[in-house]
């Protein structure tokens, strides 16, 4: 015969494991202060990863107007510095989730859509961690049994969008054939890439930075002079902000930079400037025929004359009432 007391004891013995399972599952969700994902963790549309020094955060961002897509982004206190899904934007909804599974695969999943694979190892790895670092780099690491880093499997710095941060490279990795370059967003709210986007690249054969659009070179920095750490076509006041790092060996040909006076913001829409102030390059003023500060000459369009120039004016879409000015953001 089972008494009321016996029933209570039996109920409690069944309920406790259930409660513990629910608590354990939710405990895997990273908090606002977390800088990492461990196997089984996930980041959804309501959460953020925050780097240890709290400068950078990663989250899913949707735009109220325009294209109607959601992007996984990294931003500092002022600007977006990296986007993960410019080639595969996610339709705006709240179901997008970044997850690291127990085989070492880092991916974005959502209801009604195919997973977006950020990184998948050649074979399963059961000891990994994904961390948003203090320099803005989001890295996936394989760990030793003691928890120390064994190797870097993937990093966001290898896939820059429109932003250049210290330690991020432009150039080519000879081991993998991977090319590092920056590509402009089409607009401030349309982050997808297109053939009409400006690109910022490093030309290792000559040793200079170039800005091109539709394969046409608009601007060149001029050859780097290592003796004075200067490019010919970049203003002196802008170059005082940076130390350039040029690497040329069997592994890679690359350009990167370090800042001399703290972090500096660079903006680029065919134009580059330091913290919205010192102008570095102005490819948007390169009209096919002028050579101002590195502008390149190419075949003059039959519909244009040498005395014609372009003046930048504000414009608005009738539907969304948003500025049409195209910009790229480059941070350093």
Protein backbone atom coordinates (compact mmCIF):
# COMPACT_ATOMS: atom_id res chain seq x y z
CA UNK A 1 0.00 0.00 0.00
CA UNK A 2 1.40 3.46 -1.06
CA UNK A 3 0.69 6.22 1.40
CA UNK A 4 0.37 9.93 0.59
CA UNK A 5 3.83 10.45 2.03
CA UNK A 6 5.21 7.71 -0.27
CA UNK A 7 3.60 9.39 -3.28
CA UNK A 8 5.24 12.69 -2.36
CA UNK A 9 8.66 11.09 -2.02
CA UNK A 10 8.27 9.38 -5.40
CA UNK A 11 7.18 12.63 -7.06
CA UNK A 12 10.13 14.54 -5.64
CA UNK A 13 12.61 11.86 -6.71
CA UNK A 14 11.33 12.15 -10.31
CA UNK A 15 11.06 15.93 -10.35
CA UNK A 16 14.57 16.72 -9.13
CA UNK A 17 16.41 15.20 -12.11
CA UNK A 18 14.01 16.97 -14.51
CA UNK A 19 14.70 20.31 -12.81
CA UNK A 20 18.44 19.74 -12.92
CA UNK A 21 18.28 18.94 -16.66
CA UNK A 22 16.39 22.14 -17.41
CA UNK A 23 18.79 24.25 -15.32
CA UNK A 24 21.82 22.65 -16.97
CA UNK A 25 20.47 23.34 -20.46
CA UNK A 26 19.80 27.01 -19.78
CA UNK A 27 23.12 27.40 -17.99
CA UNK A 28 24.85 26.84 -21.35
CA UNK A 29 23.42 30.08 -22.73
CA UNK A 30 26.17 32.74 -22.62
CA UNK A 31 25.37 35.77 -20.52
CA UNK A 32 25.81 39.38 -21.59
CA UNK A 33 29.25 39.39 -19.96
CA UNK A 34 30.51 36.23 -21.68
CA UNK A 35 33.26 36.48 -24.27
CA UNK A 36 33.09 32.88 -25.53
CA UNK A 37 31.12 29.92 -26.77
CA UNK A 38 31.93 26.43 -25.53
CA UNK A 39 30.67 23.23 -27.23
CA UNK A 40 26.90 23.18 -26.87
CA UNK A 41 26.62 26.95 -26.24
CA UNK A 42 24.73 29.24 -28.54
CA UNK A 43 24.20 32.93 -29.15
CA UNK A 44 20.68 33.96 -30.18
CA UNK A 45 19.08 37.26 -31.19
CA UNK A 46 18.60 38.33 -27.57
CA UNK A 47 22.23 37.86 -26.45
CA UNK A 48 25.71 39.29 -27.00
CA UNK A 49 29.30 38.22 -26.64
CA UNK A 50 31.41 40.88 -24.96
CA UNK A 51 35.22 40.94 -25.17
CA UNK A 52 37.10 40.92 -21.87
CA UNK A 53 37.99 44.62 -22.03
CA UNK A 54 34.36 45.35 -23.04
CA UNK A 55 35.30 47.28 -26.18
CA UNK A 56 33.93 44.82 -28.74
CA UNK A 57 30.62 42.98 -28.78
CA UNK A 58 29.09 40.42 -31.13
CA UNK A 59 25.38 40.05 -31.76
CA UNK A 60 22.69 39.63 -34.43
CA UNK A 61 21.70 43.01 -35.86
CA UNK A 62 18.63 43.74 -37.96
CA UNK A 63 18.00 46.94 -39.88
CA UNK A 64 14.61 48.59 -39.56
CA UNK A 65 14.60 49.95 -43.11
CA UNK A 66 15.92 48.82 -46.45
CA UNK A 67 16.80 45.26 -47.29
CA UNK A 68 15.12 43.42 -44.42
CA UNK A 69 18.07 41.22 -43.44
CA UNK A 70 19.79 40.23 -40.20
CA UNK A 71 23.57 40.06 -39.87
CA UNK A 72 25.94 38.59 -37.29
CA UNK A 73 28.17 41.57 -36.50
CA UNK A 74 31.05 42.72 -34.31
CA UNK A 75 31.08 46.36 -33.29
CA UNK A 76 32.99 48.67 -31.01
CA UNK A 77 31.44 51.64 -29.22
CA UNK A 78 31.02 53.59 -32.48
CA UNK A 79 30.98 51.40 -35.58
CA UNK A 80 30.38 47.97 -37.02
CA UNK A 81 33.82 46.47 -37.62
CA UNK A 82 32.92 43.03 -39.01
CA UNK A 83 29.97 41.19 -40.51
CA UNK A 84 29.78 37.43 -40.91
CA UNK A 85 26.89 37.03 -43.33
CA UNK A 86 27.30 39.61 -46.11
CA UNK A 87 27.32 36.82 -48.72
CA UNK A 88 24.46 34.94 -47.05
CA UNK A 89 22.24 37.53 -45.30
CA UNK A 90 19.51 36.15 -43.07
CA UNK A 91 15.92 37.36 -43.58
CA UNK A 92 14.85 39.41 -40.57
CA UNK A 93 13.46 37.15 -37.84
CA UNK A 94 14.34 36.23 -34.28
CA UNK A 95 15.27 32.59 -34.88
CA UNK A 96 18.93 33.04 -35.94
CA UNK A 97 21.37 31.29 -33.60
CA UNK A 98 25.18 31.03 -33.67
CA UNK A 99 26.23 27.71 -32.18
CA UNK A 100 29.37 25.69 -31.57
CA UNK A 101 28.59 21.98 -31.58
CA UNK A 102 30.47 19.11 -29.95
CA UNK A 103 32.25 18.18 -33.20
CA UNK A 104 33.89 21.62 -33.51
CA UNK A 105 31.55 23.02 -36.15
CA UNK A 106 30.72 26.72 -35.86
CA UNK A 107 27.50 27.61 -37.68
CA UNK A 108 24.42 29.82 -37.82
CA UNK A 109 21.07 28.05 -37.81
CA UNK A 110 17.53 29.36 -38.12
CA UNK A 111 14.03 28.06 -38.60
CA UNK A 112 13.12 27.31 -42.21
CA UNK A 113 16.59 27.86 -43.64
CA UNK A 114 19.78 25.93 -44.34
CA UNK A 115 22.62 26.30 -41.80
CA UNK A 116 25.33 28.82 -42.63
CA UNK A 117 28.61 27.05 -41.92
CA UNK A 118 31.21 29.45 -40.53
CA UNK A 119 33.79 26.70 -39.99
CA UNK A 120 33.68 22.90 -40.21
CA UNK A 121 36.78 20.83 -39.27
CA UNK A 122 37.99 18.04 -41.59
CA UNK A 123 37.27 15.63 -38.75
CA UNK A 124 35.38 16.01 -35.49
CA UNK A 125 37.14 17.91 -32.70
CA UNK A 126 35.53 17.67 -29.30
CA UNK A 127 37.66 20.23 -27.46
CA UNK A 128 37.12 23.70 -28.90
CA UNK A 129 36.18 27.20 -27.82
CA UNK A 130 35.17 30.33 -29.79
CA UNK A 131 36.31 33.62 -28.20
CA UNK A 132 35.78 37.29 -28.99
CA UNK A 133 39.21 38.74 -28.24
CA UNK A 134 40.11 42.22 -26.99
CA UNK A 135 41.55 43.19 -30.39
CA UNK A 136 38.19 42.53 -32.13
CA UNK A 137 39.18 39.14 -33.55
CA UNK A 138 36.67 36.30 -33.17
CA UNK A 139 38.64 33.04 -33.06
CA UNK A 140 37.90 29.32 -32.93
CA UNK A 141 40.58 27.39 -31.05
CA UNK A 142 41.34 23.72 -30.48
CA UNK A 143 42.36 23.13 -26.86
CA UNK A 144 44.80 20.82 -25.09
CA UNK A 145 43.36 18.67 -22.28
CA UNK A 146 44.64 21.25 -19.75
CA UNK A 147 42.62 24.00 -21.47
CA UNK A 148 45.53 25.81 -23.16
CA UNK A 149 45.39 26.68 -26.86
CA UNK A 150 46.59 23.91 -29.17
CA UNK A 151 45.90 25.63 -32.51
CA UNK A 152 43.78 28.30 -34.16
CA UNK A 153 41.20 26.68 -36.44
CA UNK A 154 39.51 29.82 -37.80
CA UNK A 155 39.50 33.59 -37.20
CA UNK A 156 37.39 36.53 -38.36
CA UNK A 157 40.58 38.51 -39.17
CA UNK A 158 41.03 36.21 -42.18
CA UNK A 159 37.65 37.37 -43.54
CA UNK A 160 37.52 41.16 -43.15
CA UNK A 161 34.49 42.99 -44.46
CA UNK A 162 34.84 46.78 -44.68
CA UNK A 163 37.07 47.34 -41.66
CA UNK A 164 40.81 47.15 -41.05
CA UNK A 165 41.93 46.69 -37.46
CA UNK A 166 45.49 46.48 -36.11
CA UNK A 167 46.87 42.95 -36.77
CA UNK A 168 44.36 42.43 -39.60
CA UNK A 169 46.08 41.87 -42.96
CA UNK A 170 45.73 42.80 -46.62
CA UNK A 171 47.53 40.59 -49.11
CA UNK A 172 47.81 36.88 -49.87
CA UNK A 173 48.50 33.72 -47.87
CA UNK A 174 50.77 31.58 -50.06
CA UNK A 175 50.09 28.42 -48.02
CA UNK A 176 46.34 28.47 -48.66
CA UNK A 177 46.00 30.89 -51.57
CA UNK A 178 43.60 32.95 -49.45
CA UNK A 179 43.46 36.67 -50.30
CA UNK A 180 42.89 39.31 -47.63
CA UNK A 181 41.09 42.44 -48.85
CA UNK A 182 38.36 44.89 -47.81
CA UNK A 183 35.10 45.24 -49.72
CA UNK A 184 32.70 48.14 -49.34
CA UNK A 185 29.10 47.71 -48.31
CA UNK A 186 26.74 48.93 -51.01
CA UNK A 187 25.17 51.39 -48.53
CA UNK A 188 25.11 52.04 -44.79
CA UNK A 189 22.11 49.73 -44.41
CA UNK A 190 22.73 47.38 -47.33
CA UNK A 191 25.69 45.37 -46.15
CA UNK A 192 25.68 42.82 -48.94
CA UNK A 193 28.56 42.83 -51.41
CA UNK A 194 28.24 43.58 -55.11
CA UNK A 195 30.30 44.04 -58.27
CA UNK A 196 29.89 47.82 -57.90
CA UNK A 197 31.54 47.83 -54.46
CA UNK A 198 34.92 49.47 -53.89
CA UNK A 199 37.75 47.15 -52.81
CA UNK A 200 40.90 47.99 -50.88
CA UNK A 201 43.83 45.65 -51.63
CA UNK A 202 47.56 45.24 -51.14
CA UNK A 203 49.63 44.80 -54.30
CA UNK A 204 52.70 42.82 -53.14
CA UNK A 205 54.46 42.95 -56.52
CA UNK A 206 54.73 46.74 -56.41
CA UNK A 207 54.34 47.27 -52.67
CA UNK A 208 51.38 49.65 -52.54
CA UNK A 209 47.73 49.92 -51.54
CA UNK A 210 45.14 50.17 -54.30
CA UNK A 211 41.43 50.98 -54.48
CA UNK A 212 39.54 49.43 -57.35
CA UNK A 213 35.97 49.12 -58.55
CA UNK A 214 34.81 46.64 -61.20
CA UNK A 215 38.51 45.75 -61.66
CA UNK A 216 39.34 49.36 -62.60
CA UNK A 217 42.02 50.90 -60.37
CA UNK A 218 40.82 54.27 -59.04
CA UNK A 219 43.60 55.12 -56.58
CA UNK A 220 47.11 54.02 -55.57
CA UNK A 221 49.01 54.86 -52.40
CA UNK A 222 52.33 54.96 -54.21
CA UNK A 223 55.21 52.60 -53.43
CA UNK A 224 56.02 52.14 -49.75
CA UNK A 225 59.34 53.66 -48.69
CA UNK A 226 60.53 51.50 -45.79
CA UNK A 227 63.35 53.91 -44.91
CA UNK A 228 60.89 56.59 -43.82
CA UNK A 229 57.81 54.37 -43.24
CA UNK A 230 55.80 56.39 -45.77
CA UNK A 231 53.57 56.03 -48.83
CA UNK A 232 53.95 58.63 -51.55
CA UNK A 233 50.26 59.58 -51.94
CA UNK A 234 49.08 59.55 -48.32
CA UNK A 235 49.16 62.89 -46.47
CA UNK A 236 51.82 63.28 -43.79
CA UNK A 237 49.34 64.11 -41.01
CA UNK A 238 47.51 60.82 -41.62
CA UNK A 239 50.67 58.71 -41.77
CA UNK A 240 51.83 60.03 -38.43
CA UNK A 241 49.06 57.95 -36.85
CA UNK A 242 50.44 54.56 -37.95
CA UNK A 243 53.35 52.17 -38.12
CA UNK A 244 53.12 49.93 -41.21
CA UNK A 245 54.08 46.26 -41.17
CA UNK A 246 55.10 44.73 -44.52
CA UNK A 247 55.73 40.97 -44.70
CA UNK A 248 57.19 39.22 -47.75
CA UNK A 249 58.25 35.59 -47.42
CA UNK A 250 57.37 32.11 -48.67
CA UNK A 251 54.31 31.99 -46.40
CA UNK A 252 52.65 35.31 -47.18
CA UNK A 253 52.78 38.77 -48.76
CA UNK A 254 50.90 41.14 -46.49
CA UNK A 255 50.31 44.66 -45.24
CA UNK A 256 49.05 45.50 -41.75
CA UNK A 257 49.34 48.42 -39.38
CA UNK A 258 49.66 49.44 -35.77
CA UNK A 259 48.52 52.71 -34.25
CA UNK A 260 50.89 55.08 -32.51
CA UNK A 261 48.39 57.02 -30.44
CA UNK A 262 45.66 54.56 -29.52
CA UNK A 263 42.91 53.27 -31.75
CA UNK A 264 42.02 55.33 -34.82
CA UNK A 265 38.95 55.03 -37.02
CA UNK A 266 39.26 55.03 -40.81
CA UNK A 267 36.26 55.71 -43.04
CA UNK A 268 36.16 54.64 -46.67
CA UNK A 269 33.60 55.05 -49.46
CA UNK A 270 36.25 55.19 -52.05
CA UNK A 271 37.49 57.72 -49.46
CA UNK A 272 39.57 56.89 -46.41
CA UNK A 273 40.02 59.17 -43.46
CA UNK A 274 41.25 58.92 -39.86
CA UNK A 275 38.48 59.21 -37.28
CA UNK A 276 36.36 61.22 -39.72
CA UNK A 277 39.13 63.83 -39.81
CA UNK A 278 42.48 63.36 -41.58
CA UNK A 279 41.97 62.38 -45.21
CA UNK A 280 44.02 59.42 -46.45
CA UNK A 281 42.59 58.73 -49.91
CA UNK A 282 39.77 60.15 -51.97
CA UNK A 283 39.04 57.74 -54.81
CA UNK A 284 35.50 59.14 -55.07
CA UNK A 285 37.11 62.27 -56.56
CA UNK A 286 39.10 60.32 -59.15
CA UNK A 287 37.44 61.19 -62.45
CA UNK A 288 39.42 59.03 -64.91
CA UNK A 289 41.75 61.84 -65.95
CA UNK A 290 43.10 63.57 -62.82
CA UNK A 291 46.14 62.49 -60.79
CA UNK A 292 45.35 64.24 -57.51
CA UNK A 293 46.89 62.43 -54.51
CA UNK A 294 47.16 59.05 -56.19
CA UNK A 295 44.18 59.15 -58.57
CA UNK A 296 44.74 56.98 -61.64
CA UNK A 297 44.13 57.87 -65.27
CA UNK A 298 42.26 55.45 -67.52
CA UNK A 299 40.23 55.64 -70.71
CA UNK A 300 38.07 58.76 -70.62
CA UNK A 301 34.38 58.04 -71.12
CA UNK A 302 32.99 59.38 -74.37
CA UNK A 303 30.22 61.13 -72.45
CA UNK A 304 32.62 63.09 -70.23
CA UNK A 305 34.93 66.05 -70.82
CA UNK A 306 38.07 67.00 -68.93
CA UNK A 307 36.48 70.10 -67.46
CA UNK A 308 33.59 68.16 -65.92
CA UNK A 309 33.73 67.16 -62.25
CA UNK A 310 31.34 65.54 -59.82
CA UNK A 311 29.90 67.24 -56.77
CA UNK A 312 28.62 65.10 -53.88
CA UNK A 313 25.05 66.04 -52.92
CA UNK A 314 22.63 64.40 -50.46
CA UNK A 315 19.89 62.27 -51.96
CA UNK A 316 16.97 60.22 -50.68
CA UNK A 317 15.06 57.14 -51.69
CA UNK A 318 11.38 58.03 -52.05
CA UNK A 319 10.28 54.86 -50.26
CA UNK A 320 12.59 54.82 -47.27
CA UNK A 321 13.75 58.45 -47.05
CA UNK A 322 17.34 57.40 -46.43
CA UNK A 323 20.59 59.00 -47.70
CA UNK A 324 21.94 57.32 -50.82
CA UNK A 325 25.59 58.07 -50.00
CA UNK A 326 27.70 54.92 -50.19
CA UNK A 327 30.30 54.46 -47.49
CA UNK A 328 32.79 51.89 -46.33
CA UNK A 329 34.04 51.81 -42.78
CA UNK A 330 37.66 50.88 -42.06
CA UNK A 331 38.87 50.83 -38.47
CA UNK A 332 42.40 50.84 -37.31
